[in-house]
PDB file of N, CA and C in Angstrom:
ATOM      1  N   MET A   1     194.296  91.599  24.452  1.00  0.00           N
ATOM      2  CA  MET A   1     195.263  90.847  23.676  1.00  0.00           C
ATOM      3  C   MET A   1     196.626  90.927  24.358  1.00  0.00           C
ATOM      4  N   GLN A   2     197.314  89.814  24.355  1.00  0.00           N
ATOM      5  CA  GLN A   2     198.675  89.723  24.879  1.00  0.00           C
ATOM      6  C   GLN A   2     199.593  89.381  23.719  1.00  0.00           C
ATOM      7  N   THR A   3     200.743  90.029  23.639  1.00  0.00           N
ATOM      8  CA  THR A   3     201.707  89.735  22.587  1.00  0.00           C
ATOM      9  C   THR A   3     203.014  89.282  23.216  1.00  0.00           C
ATOM     10  N   LEU A   4     203.504  88.151  22.755  1.00  0.00           N
ATOM     11  CA  LEU A   4     204.811  87.631  23.150  1.00  0.00           C
ATOM     12  C   LEU A   4     205.718  87.746  21.937  1.00  0.00           C
ATOM     13  N   ARG A   5     206.984  88.088  22.167  1.00  0.00           N
ATOM     14  CA  ARG A   5     207.882  88.305  21.033  1.00  0.00           C
ATOM     15  C   ARG A   5     209.279  87.787  21.337  1.00  0.00           C
ATOM     16  N   LEU A   6     209.862  87.123  20.341  1.00  0.00           N
ATOM     17  CA  LEU A   6     211.262  86.698  20.368  1.00  0.00           C
ATOM     18  C   LEU A   6     211.868  87.135  19.042  1.00  0.00           C
ATOM     19  N   GLY A   7     212.717  88.144  19.091  1.00  0.00           N
ATOM     20  CA  GLY A   7     213.295  88.662  17.855  1.00  0.00           C
ATOM     21  C   GLY A   7     212.208  89.184  16.943  1.00  0.00           C
ATOM     22  N   ARG A   8     212.183  88.699  15.721  1.00  0.00           N
ATOM     23  CA  ARG A   8     211.186  89.183  14.762  1.00  0.00           C
ATOM     24  C   ARG A   8     209.934  88.307  14.691  1.00  0.00           C
ATOM     25  N   ILE A   9     209.864  87.296  15.550  1.00  0.00           N
ATOM     26  CA  ILE A   9     208.705  86.407  15.591  1.00  0.00           C
ATOM     27  C   ILE A   9     207.833  86.790  16.779  1.00  0.00           C
ATOM     28  N   LYS A  10     206.507  86.845  16.564  1.00  0.00           N
ATOM     29  CA  LYS A  10     205.616  87.189  17.664  1.00  0.00           C
ATOM     30  C   LYS A  10     204.396  86.283  17.682  1.00  0.00           C
ATOM     31  N   ALA A  11     203.846  86.133  18.875  1.00  0.00           N
ATOM     32  CA  ALA A  11     202.609  85.388  19.095  1.00  0.00           C
ATOM     33  C   ALA A  11     201.609  86.357  19.706  1.00  0.00           C
ATOM     34  N   SER A  12     200.468  86.510  19.072  1.00  0.00           N
ATOM     35  CA  SER A  12     199.402  87.362  19.581  1.00  0.00           C
ATOM     36  C   SER A  12     198.319  86.444  20.144  1.00  0.00           C
ATOM     37  N   ILE A  13     197.964  86.658  21.407  1.00  0.00           N
ATOM     38  CA  ILE A  13     197.013  85.793  22.100  1.00  0.00           C
ATOM     39  C   ILE A  13     195.746  86.581  22.391  1.00  0.00           C
ATOM     40  N   TRP A  14     194.610  86.058  21.900  1.00  0.00           N
ATOM     41  CA  TRP A  14     193.316  86.697  22.140  1.00  0.00           C
ATOM     42  C   TRP A  14     192.498  85.863  23.102  1.00  0.00           C
ATOM     43  N   GLU A  15     191.859  86.547  24.038  1.00  0.00           N
ATOM     44  CA  GLU A  15     190.921  85.903  24.948  1.00  0.00           C
ATOM     45  C   GLU A  15     189.519  86.128  24.395  1.00  0.00           C
ATOM     46  N   ASN A  16     188.755  85.052  24.251  1.00  0.00           N
ATOM     47  CA  ASN A  16     187.390  85.124  23.740  1.00  0.00           C
ATOM     48  C   ASN A  16     186.450  84.536  24.780  1.00  0.00           C
ATOM     49  N   THR A  17     185.323  85.160  24.965  1.00  0.00           N
ATOM     50  CA  THR A  17     184.370  84.695  25.959  1.00  0.00           C
ATOM     51  C   THR A  17     183.052  84.354  25.289  1.00  0.00           C
ATOM     52  N   SER A  18     182.546  83.178  25.597  1.00  0.00           N
ATOM     53  CA  SER A  18     181.213  82.794  25.158  1.00  0.00           C
ATOM     54  C   SER A  18     180.339  82.701  26.403  1.00  0.00           C
ATOM     55  N   GLU A  19     179.098  82.322  26.230  1.00  0.00           N
ATOM     56  CA  GLU A  19     178.205  82.210  27.388  1.00  0.00           C
ATOM     57  C   GLU A  19     178.649  81.109  28.342  1.00  0.00           C
ATOM     58  N   GLN A  20     179.260  80.051  27.806  1.00  0.00           N
ATOM     59  CA  GLN A  20     179.646  78.919  28.640  1.00  0.00           C
ATOM     60  C   GLN A  20     181.068  78.997  29.196  1.00  0.00           C
ATOM     61  N   ARG A  21     181.990  79.627  28.438  1.00  0.00           N
ATOM     62  CA  ARG A  21     183.394  79.562  28.867  1.00  0.00           C
ATOM     63  C   ARG A  21     184.234  80.628  28.179  1.00  0.00           C
ATOM     64  N   THR A  22     185.482  80.728  28.632  1.00  0.00           N
ATOM     65  CA  THR A  22     186.475  81.586  28.009  1.00  0.00           C
ATOM     66  C   THR A  22     187.459  80.689  27.268  1.00  0.00           C
ATOM     67  N   PHE A  23     187.840  81.077  26.063  1.00  0.00           N
ATOM     68  CA  PHE A  23     188.818  80.307  25.319  1.00  0.00           C
ATOM     69  C   PHE A  23     189.808  81.266  24.671  1.00  0.00           C
ATOM     70  N   TYR A  24     190.905  80.723  24.162  1.00  0.00           N
ATOM     71  CA  TYR A  24     192.012  81.538  23.657  1.00  0.00           C
ATOM     72  C   TYR A  24     192.394  81.096  22.250  1.00  0.00           C
ATOM     73  N   ASN A  25     192.813  82.061  21.440  1.00  0.00           N
ATOM     74  CA  ASN A  25     193.368  81.800  20.117  1.00  0.00           C
ATOM     75  C   ASN A  25     194.729  82.489  20.018  1.00  0.00           C
ATOM     76  N   VAL A  26     195.622  81.875  19.273  1.00  0.00           N
ATOM     77  CA  VAL A  26     196.973  82.410  19.114  1.00  0.00           C
ATOM     78  C   VAL A  26     197.291  82.524  17.624  1.00  0.00           C
ATOM     79  N   LYS A  27     197.857  83.664  17.244  1.00  0.00           N
ATOM     80  CA  LYS A  27     198.314  83.869  15.869  1.00  0.00           C
ATOM     81  C   LYS A  27     199.812  84.141  15.909  1.00  0.00           C
ATOM     82  N   PHE A  28     200.559  83.439  15.073  1.00  0.00           N
ATOM     83  CA  PHE A  28     201.998  83.631  14.973  1.00  0.00           C
ATOM     84  C   PHE A  28     202.295  84.445  13.717  1.00  0.00           C
ATOM     85  N   SER A  29     203.250  85.354  13.821  1.00  0.00           N
ATOM     86  CA  SER A  29     203.632  86.151  12.662  1.00  0.00           C
ATOM     87  C   SER A  29     205.110  86.512  12.737  1.00  0.00           C
ATOM     88  N   ARG A  30     205.631  86.911  11.586  1.00  0.00           N
ATOM     89  CA  ARG A  30     207.033  87.307  11.476  1.00  0.00           C
ATOM     90  C   ARG A  30     207.078  88.736  10.952  1.00  0.00           C
ATOM     91  N   LEU A  31     207.829  89.577  11.626  1.00  0.00           N
ATOM     92  CA  LEU A  31     207.995  90.956  11.186  1.00  0.00           C
ATOM     93  C   LEU A  31     209.099  91.044  10.147  1.00  0.00           C
ATOM     94  N   TYR A  32     208.893  91.897   9.149  1.00  0.00           N
ATOM     95  CA  TYR A  32     209.952  92.160   8.179  1.00  0.00           C
ATOM     96  C   TYR A  32     209.833  93.601   7.685  1.00  0.00           C
ATOM     97  N   VAL A  33     210.917  94.096   7.108  1.00  0.00           N
ATOM     98  CA  VAL A  33     210.970  95.455   6.584  1.00  0.00           C
ATOM     99  C   VAL A  33     211.076  95.368   5.063  1.00  0.00           C
ATOM    100  N   ASP A  34     210.225  96.139   4.364  1.00  0.00           N
ATOM    101  CA  ASP A  34     210.270  96.122   2.900  1.00  0.00           C
ATOM    102  C   ASP A  34     211.321  97.106   2.378  1.00  0.00           C
ATOM    103  N   GLU A  35     211.393  97.241   1.079  1.00  0.00           N
ATOM    104  CA  GLU A  35     212.395  98.105   0.453  1.00  0.00           C
ATOM    105  C   GLU A  35     212.209  99.582   0.795  1.00  0.00           C
ATOM    106  N   GLN A  36     210.989  99.971   1.142  1.00  0.00           N
ATOM    107  CA  GLN A  36     210.706 101.356   1.530  1.00  0.00           C
ATOM    108  C   GLN A  36     210.865 101.572   3.037  1.00  0.00           C
ATOM    109  N   LYS A  37     211.455 100.594   3.723  1.00  0.00           N
ATOM    110  CA  LYS A  37     211.720 100.651   5.164  1.00  0.00           C
ATOM    111  C   LYS A  37     210.432 100.661   5.992  1.00  0.00           C
ATOM    112  N   LYS A  38     209.357 100.048   5.461  1.00  0.00           N
ATOM    113  CA  LYS A  38     208.100  99.929   6.199  1.00  0.00           C
ATOM    114  C   LYS A  38     207.994  98.527   6.779  1.00  0.00           C
ATOM    115  N   PHE A  39     207.484  98.441   8.022  1.00  0.00           N
ATOM    116  CA  PHE A  39     207.320  97.154   8.693  1.00  0.00           C
ATOM    117  C   PHE A  39     206.027  96.480   8.267  1.00  0.00           C
ATOM    118  N   HIS A  40     206.093  95.155   8.139  1.00  0.00           N
ATOM    119  CA  HIS A  40     204.930  94.338   7.788  1.00  0.00           C
ATOM    120  C   HIS A  40     204.967  93.051   8.593  1.00  0.00           C
ATOM    121  N   ASP A  41     203.825  92.369   8.647  1.00  0.00           N
ATOM    122  CA  ASP A  41     203.726  91.041   9.248  1.00  0.00           C
ATOM    123  C   ASP A  41     203.551  90.011   8.142  1.00  0.00           C
ATOM    124  N   SER A  42     204.106  88.845   8.356  1.00  0.00           N
ATOM    125  CA  SER A  42     203.925  87.728   7.438  1.00  0.00           C
ATOM    126  C   SER A  42     203.564  86.496   8.264  1.00  0.00           C
ATOM    127  N   ASP A  43     202.786  85.592   7.677  1.00  0.00           N
ATOM    128  CA  ASP A  43     202.494  84.333   8.362  1.00  0.00           C
ATOM    129  C   ASP A  43     203.290  83.183   7.743  1.00  0.00           C
ATOM    130  N   SER A  44     204.369  83.544   7.058  1.00  0.00           N
ATOM    131  CA  SER A  44     205.274  82.581   6.450  1.00  0.00           C
ATOM    132  C   SER A  44     206.587  82.595   7.225  1.00  0.00           C
ATOM    133  N   PHE A  45     207.128  81.398   7.476  1.00  0.00           N
ATOM    134  CA  PHE A  45     208.326  81.288   8.300  1.00  0.00           C
ATOM    135  C   PHE A  45     209.396  80.492   7.579  1.00  0.00           C
ATOM    136  N   GLY A  46     210.628  80.928   7.725  1.00  0.00           N
ATOM    137  CA  GLY A  46     211.763  80.213   7.158  1.00  0.00           C
ATOM    138  C   GLY A  46     212.327  79.207   8.142  1.00  0.00           C
ATOM    139  N   ARG A  47     213.270  78.442   7.680  1.00  0.00           N
ATOM    140  CA  ARG A  47     213.908  77.416   8.505  1.00  0.00           C
ATOM    141  C   ARG A  47     214.418  77.982   9.824  1.00  0.00           C
ATOM    142  N   ASP A  48     215.087  79.133   9.767  1.00  0.00           N
ATOM    143  CA  ASP A  48     215.685  79.711  10.965  1.00  0.00           C
ATOM    144  C   ASP A  48     214.653  80.288  11.918  1.00  0.00           C
ATOM    145  N   ASP A  49     213.417  80.439  11.477  1.00  0.00           N
ATOM    146  CA  ASP A  49     212.349  80.966  12.336  1.00  0.00           C
ATOM    147  C   ASP A  49     211.656  79.873  13.150  1.00  0.00           C
ATOM    148  N   LEU A  50     211.759  78.636  12.708  1.00  0.00           N
ATOM    149  CA  LEU A  50     210.908  77.582  13.259  1.00  0.00           C
ATOM    150  C   LEU A  50     211.155  77.287  14.735  1.00  0.00           C
ATOM    151  N   LEU A  51     212.390  77.336  15.181  1.00  0.00           N
ATOM    152  CA  LEU A  51     212.639  77.101  16.605  1.00  0.00           C
ATOM    153  C   LEU A  51     212.055  78.218  17.460  1.00  0.00           C
ATOM    154  N   LEU A  52     212.079  79.460  16.947  1.00  0.00           N
ATOM    155  CA  LEU A  52     211.468  80.563  17.680  1.00  0.00           C
ATOM    156  C   LEU A  52     209.943  80.429  17.713  1.00  0.00           C
ATOM    157  N   VAL A  53     209.353  79.958  16.625  1.00  0.00           N
ATOM    158  CA  VAL A  53     207.908  79.707  16.611  1.00  0.00           C
ATOM    159  C   VAL A  53     207.570  78.643  17.647  1.00  0.00           C
ATOM    160  N   SER A  54     208.388  77.601  17.699  1.00  0.00           N
ATOM    161  CA  SER A  54     208.185  76.525  18.668  1.00  0.00           C
ATOM    162  C   SER A  54     208.283  77.044  20.108  1.00  0.00           C
ATOM    163  N   LYS A  55     209.294  77.848  20.384  1.00  0.00           N
ATOM    164  CA  LYS A  55     209.468  78.416  21.722  1.00  0.00           C
ATOM    165  C   LYS A  55     208.299  79.321  22.074  1.00  0.00           C
ATOM    166  N   LEU A  56     207.848  80.143  21.124  1.00  0.00           N
ATOM    167  CA  LEU A  56     206.700  81.023  21.380  1.00  0.00           C
ATOM    168  C   LEU A  56     205.425  80.216  21.595  1.00  0.00           C
ATOM    169  N   ALA A  57     205.279  79.101  20.875  1.00  0.00           N
ATOM    170  CA  ALA A  57     204.115  78.231  21.093  1.00  0.00           C
ATOM    171  C   ALA A  57     204.120  77.700  22.520  1.00  0.00           C
ATOM    172  N   ASP A  58     205.298  77.320  23.013  1.00  0.00           N
ATOM    173  CA  ASP A  58     205.433  76.854  24.395  1.00  0.00           C
ATOM    174  C   ASP A  58     205.087  77.970  25.379  1.00  0.00           C
ATOM    175  N   LEU A  59     205.604  79.173  25.148  1.00  0.00           N
ATOM    176  CA  LEU A  59     205.312  80.305  26.027  1.00  0.00           C
ATOM    177  C   LEU A  59     203.837  80.682  25.980  1.00  0.00           C
ATOM    178  N   ALA A  60     203.235  80.633  24.799  1.00  0.00           N
ATOM    179  CA  ALA A  60     201.805  80.946  24.669  1.00  0.00           C
ATOM    180  C   ALA A  60     200.972  79.911  25.418  1.00  0.00           C
ATOM    181  N   HIS A  61     201.345  78.651  25.318  1.00  0.00           N
ATOM    182  CA  HIS A  61     200.639  77.590  26.043  1.00  0.00           C
ATOM    183  C   HIS A  61     200.706  77.828  27.541  1.00  0.00           C
ATOM    184  N   THR A  62     201.883  78.153  28.041  1.00  0.00           N
ATOM    185  CA  THR A  62     202.049  78.448  29.469  1.00  0.00           C
ATOM    186  C   THR A  62     201.194  79.638  29.877  1.00  0.00           C
ATOM    187  N   PHE A  63     201.191  80.700  29.084  1.00  0.00           N
ATOM    188  CA  PHE A  63     200.396  81.887  29.380  1.00  0.00           C
ATOM    189  C   PHE A  63     198.906  81.535  29.467  1.00  0.00           C
ATOM    190  N   VAL A  64     198.414  80.784  28.488  1.00  0.00           N
ATOM    191  CA  VAL A  64     196.988  80.419  28.473  1.00  0.00           C
ATOM    192  C   VAL A  64     196.647  79.542  29.670  1.00  0.00           C
ATOM    193  N   CYS A  65     197.478  78.566  29.972  1.00  0.00           N
ATOM    194  CA  CYS A  65     197.225  77.692  31.119  1.00  0.00           C
ATOM    195  C   CYS A  65     197.195  78.474  32.426  1.00  0.00           C
ATOM    196  N   GLU A  66     198.113  79.413  32.589  1.00  0.00           N
ATOM    197  CA  GLU A  66     198.129  80.239  33.801  1.00  0.00           C
ATOM    198  C   GLU A  66     196.889  81.120  33.892  1.00  0.00           C
ATOM    199  N   ARG A  67     196.462  81.699  32.772  1.00  0.00           N
ATOM    200  CA  ARG A  67     195.241  82.528  32.762  1.00  0.00           C
ATOM    201  C   ARG A  67     194.030  81.691  33.143  1.00  0.00           C
ATOM    202  N   MET A  68     193.929  80.479  32.594  1.00  0.00           N
ATOM    203  CA  MET A  68     192.792  79.624  32.888  1.00  0.00           C
ATOM    204  C   MET A  68     192.789  79.209  34.356  1.00  0.00           C
ATOM    205  N   ALA A  69     193.962  78.920  34.916  1.00  0.00           N
ATOM    206  CA  ALA A  69     194.050  78.557  36.323  1.00  0.00           C
ATOM    207  C   ALA A  69     193.638  79.726  37.210  1.00  0.00           C
ATOM    208  N   THR A  70     194.058  80.927  36.858  1.00  0.00           N
ATOM    209  CA  THR A  70     193.680  82.127  37.609  1.00  0.00           C
ATOM    210  C   THR A  70     192.178  82.342  37.559  1.00  0.00           C
ATOM    211  N   GLN A  71     191.585  82.144  36.406  1.00  0.00           N
ATOM    212  CA  GLN A  71     190.143  82.324  36.259  1.00  0.00           C
ATOM    213  C   GLN A  71     189.374  81.304  37.077  1.00  0.00           C
ATOM    214  N   LYS A  72     189.856  80.055  37.103  1.00  0.00           N
ATOM    215  CA  LYS A  72     189.186  79.015  37.900  1.00  0.00           C
ATOM    216  C   LYS A  72     189.246  79.340  39.374  1.00  0.00           C
ATOM    217  N   SER A  73     190.385  79.840  39.831  1.00  0.00           N
ATOM    218  CA  SER A  73     190.530  80.135  41.254  1.00  0.00           C
ATOM    219  C   SER A  73     189.694  81.342  41.676  1.00  0.00           C
ATOM    220  N   GLU A  74     189.369  82.209  40.718  1.00  0.00           N
ATOM    221  CA  GLU A  74     188.544  83.386  41.020  1.00  0.00           C
ATOM    222  C   GLU A  74     187.056  83.051  41.053  1.00  0.00           C
ATOM    223  N   GLU A  75     186.677  81.896  40.528  1.00  0.00           N
ATOM    224  CA  GLU A  75     185.260  81.514  40.486  1.00  0.00           C
ATOM    225  C   GLU A  75     184.754  81.034  41.817  1.00  0.00           C
TER     226      GLU A  75
END
């Protein structure tokens, strides 16, 4: 798993392999601290988070494309 992070927003990228190919899934989450000062993840985003989600989506896309290109060249 690869994790990309911008501030409190993160993208977790998983590589999955089947018999025919390798594919990737991405999960976006937002970190927050509760009243007891414990960290949690949320999959809900506010207005001010959306540009960071967009930027992380772009970075995750680039990461996946580069991984796939590397895998093709190794074959």
